[in-house]
Amino acid sequence: MCLREKRIIQALEDKKVDYIAIMWRPTPEHGRVHFGVDYAHDIVSWVKTHYERKILIGSDPLKHPKFGVAIYKRKVSVSPL
């Protein structure tokens, strides 16, 4: 995991972000085109572990290079009694 991804994940954990939206769009400014496929694997893995996809509009942005938006909601942690 690269330092940039670690910082992003840490910020998401620290702020306890309730929702995350991932959308497909070409991102050549990052040197790779497809978020979660060509780069940011650790971020996507972390999101899938800590969040549940609630809404999908269009194509799955993590699988298809077509327009799509996936909205994820943070999973509720249940503390043991």
Protein backbone atom coordinates (compact mmCIF):
# COMPACT_ATOMS: atom_id res chain seq x y z
CA MET A 1 0.00 0.00 0.00
CA CYS A 2 1.41 3.37 -0.96
CA LEU A 3 1.64 6.27 1.48
CA ARG A 4 -1.07 8.25 -0.36
CA GLU A 5 -3.57 5.39 -0.01
CA LYS A 6 -2.70 4.96 3.68
CA ARG A 7 -3.39 8.66 4.27
CA ILE A 8 -6.73 8.52 2.46
CA ILE A 9 -7.84 5.46 4.43
CA GLN A 10 -6.69 7.04 7.69
CA ALA A 11 -8.67 10.21 6.91
CA LEU A 12 -11.80 8.16 6.18
CA GLU A 13 -11.36 6.29 9.47
CA ASP A 14 -10.67 9.43 11.49
CA LYS A 15 -13.65 11.35 10.13
CA LYS A 16 -16.00 8.35 10.30
CA VAL A 17 -17.42 9.19 6.88
CA ASP A 18 -21.01 7.88 6.65
CA TYR A 19 -21.27 7.61 2.86
CA ILE A 20 -18.81 7.19 0.00
CA ALA A 21 -19.69 7.60 -3.66
CA ILE A 22 -17.51 6.00 -6.31
CA MET A 23 -18.12 6.91 -9.91
CA TRP A 24 -16.43 5.88 -13.11
CA ARG A 25 -14.63 8.45 -15.14
CA PRO A 26 -11.29 8.32 -16.92
CA THR A 27 -8.54 9.55 -14.59
CA PRO A 28 -5.39 9.93 -16.71
CA GLU A 29 -4.22 12.70 -14.36
CA HIS A 30 -3.38 9.92 -11.88
CA GLY A 31 -1.31 8.04 -14.44
CA ARG A 32 -3.87 5.27 -14.65
CA VAL A 33 -7.36 5.31 -16.08
CA HIS A 34 -9.68 3.18 -13.91
CA PHE A 35 -9.98 3.79 -10.12
CA GLY A 36 -10.07 0.53 -8.23
CA VAL A 37 -8.91 -1.46 -11.24
CA ASP A 38 -5.70 0.22 -12.41
CA TYR A 39 -4.91 1.87 -9.07
CA ALA A 40 -6.28 2.40 -5.51
CA HIS A 41 -6.79 -1.31 -4.88
CA ASP A 42 -6.23 -0.91 -1.14
CA ILE A 43 -8.75 1.93 -0.87
CA VAL A 44 -11.40 -0.09 -2.67
CA SER A 45 -10.68 -3.16 -0.55
CA TRP A 46 -10.98 -1.07 2.62
CA VAL A 47 -14.26 0.50 1.42
CA LYS A 48 -15.73 -2.93 0.62
CA THR A 49 -14.75 -4.19 4.09
CA HIS A 50 -16.10 -1.22 6.06
CA TYR A 51 -19.02 -0.10 3.88
CA GLU A 52 -22.02 -1.72 2.24
CA ARG A 53 -23.14 -0.73 -1.24
CA LYS A 54 -26.64 0.74 -1.01
CA ILE A 55 -27.26 2.26 -4.44
CA LEU A 56 -25.97 1.55 -7.92
CA ILE A 57 -26.83 3.94 -10.74
CA GLY A 58 -25.80 2.76 -14.19
CA SER A 59 -22.86 0.37 -14.51
CA ASP A 60 -20.70 -0.78 -11.62
CA PRO A 61 -17.88 1.79 -11.64
CA LEU A 62 -15.42 -0.77 -10.29
CA LYS A 63 -16.07 -3.24 -13.12
CA HIS A 64 -17.14 -1.44 -16.28
CA PRO A 65 -15.68 1.54 -18.13
CA LYS A 66 -19.16 3.00 -18.60
CA PHE A 67 -20.92 5.64 -16.57
CA GLY A 68 -21.94 4.45 -13.15
CA VAL A 69 -22.11 5.58 -9.54
CA ALA A 70 -22.03 3.31 -6.50
CA ILE A 71 -22.97 4.72 -3.10
CA TYR A 72 -21.68 2.95 -0.03
CA LYS A 73 -22.89 3.37 3.57
CA ARG A 74 -20.60 2.75 6.53
CA LYS A 75 -21.40 -0.52 8.29
CA VAL A 76 -22.61 -0.21 11.86
CA SER A 77 -20.20 -1.75 14.34
CA VAL A 78 -21.75 -3.81 17.08
CA SER A 79 -19.73 -3.83 20.26
CA PRO A 80 -19.67 -7.04 22.27
CA LEU A 81 -21.47 -6.81 25.62
